[in-house]
C-alpha atoms as a PDB file:
ATOM      1  CA  MET A   1     -39.455 128.544  90.114  1.00  0.00           C
ATOM      2  CA  LYS A   2     -37.534 131.437  88.520  1.00  0.00           C
ATOM      3  CA  MET A   3     -34.311 129.436  88.652  1.00  0.00           C
ATOM      4  CA  PHE A   4     -36.024 126.542  86.871  1.00  0.00           C
ATOM      5  CA  MET A   5     -37.319 128.848  84.116  1.00  0.00           C
ATOM      6  CA  LEU A   6     -33.874 130.411  83.675  1.00  0.00           C
ATOM      7  CA  LYS A   7     -32.240 126.988  83.348  1.00  0.00           C
ATOM      8  CA  PHE A   8     -34.962 125.899  80.914  1.00  0.00           C
ATOM      9  CA  PHE A   9     -34.489 128.898  78.605  1.00  0.00           C
ATOM     10  CA  CYS A  10     -30.694 128.549  78.724  1.00  0.00           C
ATOM     11  CA  ILE A  11     -30.931 124.899  77.712  1.00  0.00           C
ATOM     12  CA  VAL A  12     -33.394 125.711  74.895  1.00  0.00           C
ATOM     13  CA  ALA A  13     -31.115 128.500  73.614  1.00  0.00           C
ATOM     14  CA  LEU A  14     -28.076 126.194  73.756  1.00  0.00           C
ATOM     15  CA  MET A  15     -29.944 123.487  71.846  1.00  0.00           C
ATOM     16  CA  PHE A  16     -31.091 126.008  69.206  1.00  0.00           C
ATOM     17  CA  ILE A  17     -27.546 127.284  68.672  1.00  0.00           C
ATOM     18  CA  SER A  18     -26.278 123.689  68.511  1.00  0.00           C
ATOM     19  CA  VAL A  19     -28.819 122.810  65.818  1.00  0.00           C
ATOM     20  CA  LEU A  20     -27.854 125.848  63.735  1.00  0.00           C
ATOM     21  CA  ALA A  21     -24.145 125.028  64.057  1.00  0.00           C
ATOM     22  CA  GLY A  22     -24.818 121.400  63.098  1.00  0.00           C
ATOM     23  CA  MET A  23     -26.778 122.453  60.031  1.00  0.00           C
ATOM     24  CA  GLN A  24     -23.928 124.714  58.914  1.00  0.00           C
ATOM     25  CA  LEU A  25     -21.365 121.937  59.402  1.00  0.00           C
ATOM     26  CA  ALA A  26     -23.550 119.504  57.451  1.00  0.00           C
ATOM     27  CA  ASN A  27     -23.929 122.026  54.618  1.00  0.00           C
ATOM     28  CA  ASP A  28     -20.161 122.537  54.444  1.00  0.00           C
ATOM     29  CA  GLY A  29     -19.629 118.769  54.398  1.00  0.00           C
ATOM     30  CA  ILE A  30     -22.118 118.305  51.573  1.00  0.00           C
ATOM     31  CA  HIS A  31     -20.409 121.010  49.511  1.00  0.00           C
ATOM     32  CA  LYS A  32     -17.029 119.338  50.034  1.00  0.00           C
ATOM     33  CA  MET A  33     -18.436 115.920  49.189  1.00  0.00           C
ATOM     34  CA  LYS A  34     -20.152 117.106  46.001  1.00  0.00           C
ATOM     35  CA  GLY A  35     -17.015 118.876  44.843  1.00  0.00           C
ATOM     36  CA  TYR A  36     -18.324 122.425  44.547  1.00  0.00           C
ATOM     37  CA  ASP A  37     -14.827 123.709  45.280  1.00  0.00           C
ATOM     38  CA  ASP A  38     -13.423 121.761  42.327  1.00  0.00           C
ATOM     39  CA  PRO A  39     -13.183 124.095  39.302  1.00  0.00           C
ATOM     40  CA  ASN A  40     -14.004 121.222  36.913  1.00  0.00           C
ATOM     41  CA  PHE A  41     -17.482 120.936  38.465  1.00  0.00           C
ATOM     42  CA  GLN A  42     -18.342 124.626  38.602  1.00  0.00           C
ATOM     43  CA  ASN A  43     -20.461 126.281  35.948  1.00  0.00           C
ATOM     44  CA  ALA A  44     -18.837 129.209  34.164  1.00  0.00           C
ATOM     45  CA  VAL A  45     -21.427 131.504  32.618  1.00  0.00           C
ATOM     46  CA  ALA A  46     -20.445 134.149  30.073  1.00  0.00           C
ATOM     47  CA  LEU A  47     -22.398 136.374  27.716  1.00  0.00           C
ATOM     48  CA  ASN A  48     -21.302 137.287  24.212  1.00  0.00           C
ATOM     49  CA  ASP A  49     -21.206 140.840  22.825  1.00  0.00           C
ATOM     50  CA  ASN A  50     -24.955 140.838  22.190  1.00  0.00           C
ATOM     51  CA  GLY A  51     -25.651 139.671  25.730  1.00  0.00           C
ATOM     52  CA  ASP A  52     -27.935 136.823  24.649  1.00  0.00           C
ATOM     53  CA  HIS A  53     -25.722 133.768  24.114  1.00  0.00           C
ATOM     54  CA  VAL A  54     -24.870 131.864  27.285  1.00  0.00           C
ATOM     55  CA  LYS A  55     -21.966 129.441  27.552  1.00  0.00           C
ATOM     56  CA  ALA A  56     -21.468 126.993  30.401  1.00  0.00           C
ATOM     57  CA  THR A  57     -18.747 124.591  31.409  1.00  0.00           C
ATOM     58  CA  PHE A  58     -19.673 121.338  33.098  1.00  0.00           C
ATOM     59  CA  LEU A  59     -17.159 118.612  33.891  1.00  0.00           C
ATOM     60  CA  GLY A  60     -14.653 120.345  31.655  1.00  0.00           C
ATOM     61  CA  ASN A  61     -16.945 120.289  28.596  1.00  0.00           C
ATOM     62  CA  ASP A  62     -18.232 123.492  27.036  1.00  0.00           C
ATOM     63  CA  ILE A  63     -22.003 123.624  26.566  1.00  0.00           C
ATOM     64  CA  SER A  64     -23.838 126.379  24.726  1.00  0.00           C
ATOM     65  CA  SER A  65     -27.516 127.263  24.794  1.00  0.00           C
ATOM     66  CA  HIS A  66     -27.749 126.266  21.128  1.00  0.00           C
ATOM     67  CA  ASP A  67     -26.759 122.675  22.017  1.00  0.00           C
ATOM     68  CA  ILE A  68     -29.450 122.559  24.680  1.00  0.00           C
ATOM     69  CA  ASP A  69     -32.077 123.940  22.267  1.00  0.00           C
ATOM     70  CA  GLU A  70     -31.132 121.352  19.619  1.00  0.00           C
ATOM     71  CA  LYS A  71     -31.414 118.518  22.130  1.00  0.00           C
ATOM     72  CA  LYS A  72     -34.774 119.830  23.336  1.00  0.00           C
ATOM     73  CA  LYS A  73     -36.129 119.931  19.754  1.00  0.00           C
ATOM     74  CA  LYS A  74     -34.795 116.441  19.110  1.00  0.00           C
ATOM     75  CA  LEU A  75     -36.538 115.093  22.217  1.00  0.00           C
ATOM     76  CA  GLU A  76     -39.795 116.773  21.222  1.00  0.00           C
ATOM     77  CA  LYS A  77     -39.581 115.123  17.779  1.00  0.00           C
ATOM     78  CA  ILE A  78     -38.955 111.685  19.222  1.00  0.00           C
ATOM     79  CA  SER A  79     -41.963 111.730  21.567  1.00  0.00           C
ATOM     80  CA  ALA A  80     -40.905 108.384  22.988  1.00  0.00           C
ATOM     81  CA  PHE A  81     -43.626 105.916  23.969  1.00  0.00           C
ATOM     82  CA  ASN A  82     -43.886 105.546  27.731  1.00  0.00           C
ATOM     83  CA  LEU A  83     -45.227 102.104  28.617  1.00  0.00           C
ATOM     84  CA  PHE A  84     -45.960 102.868  32.263  1.00  0.00           C
ATOM     85  CA  SER A  85     -47.740 106.113  31.440  1.00  0.00           C
ATOM     86  CA  SER A  86     -50.035 104.455  28.914  1.00  0.00           C
ATOM     87  CA  MET A  87     -50.706 101.540  31.293  1.00  0.00           C
ATOM     88  CA  GLY A  88     -51.577 103.985  34.074  1.00  0.00           C
ATOM     89  CA  LYS A  89     -53.977 105.881  31.822  1.00  0.00           C
ATOM     90  CA  LYS A  90     -55.734 102.679  30.751  1.00  0.00           C
ATOM     91  CA  ILE A  91     -56.011 101.431  34.334  1.00  0.00           C
ATOM     92  CA  SER A  92     -57.405 104.758  35.555  1.00  0.00           C
ATOM     93  CA  GLU A  93     -59.942 104.829  32.708  1.00  0.00           C
ATOM     94  CA  GLY A  94     -60.975 101.252  33.536  1.00  0.00           C
ATOM     95  CA  VAL A  95     -61.382 102.018  37.235  1.00  0.00           C
ATOM     96  CA  SER A  96     -63.398 105.157  36.429  1.00  0.00           C
ATOM     97  CA  THR A  97     -65.674 103.268  34.049  1.00  0.00           C
ATOM     98  CA  ALA A  98     -66.153 100.401  36.517  1.00  0.00           C
ATOM     99  CA  SER A  99     -66.959 102.762  39.380  1.00  0.00           C
ATOM    100  CA  GLU A 100     -69.462 104.688  37.228  1.00  0.00           C
ATOM    101  CA  LYS A 101     -71.214 101.451  36.264  1.00  0.00           C
ATOM    102  CA  LEU A 102     -71.257 100.321  39.912  1.00  0.00           C
ATOM    103  CA  ILE A 103     -72.746 103.639  41.048  1.00  0.00           C
ATOM    104  CA  ASN A 104     -75.346 103.531  38.278  1.00  0.00           C
ATOM    105  CA  LEU A 105     -76.242  99.942  39.260  1.00  0.00           C
ATOM    106  CA  ILE A 106     -76.628 100.895  42.935  1.00  0.00           C
ATOM    107  CA  THR A 107     -78.702 104.025  42.256  1.00  0.00           C
ATOM    108  CA  GLN A 108     -81.209 102.229  39.983  1.00  0.00           C
END
């Protein structure tokens, strides 16, 4: 019985180590595939003299926090109409109203 338990724990330990090694190999493969080692894909963050302005480089293009803020304000102004969102709201309101009427009809 002791020999069986020893073999069992050795196999479990070997499987655990194998899973950890496989996860590390998969992580390395994903990083290679996504191109994290390529300097064109890495983000370069730098602060100015005041320490508040952040610059980033993505795909070789320089992006500043001011560009991101301008785009955010522009998107907030647009407030684009979302067809699926409005349809979902109307359907949920209709189902709620119908279920309330059905419950009121049953309880009376």
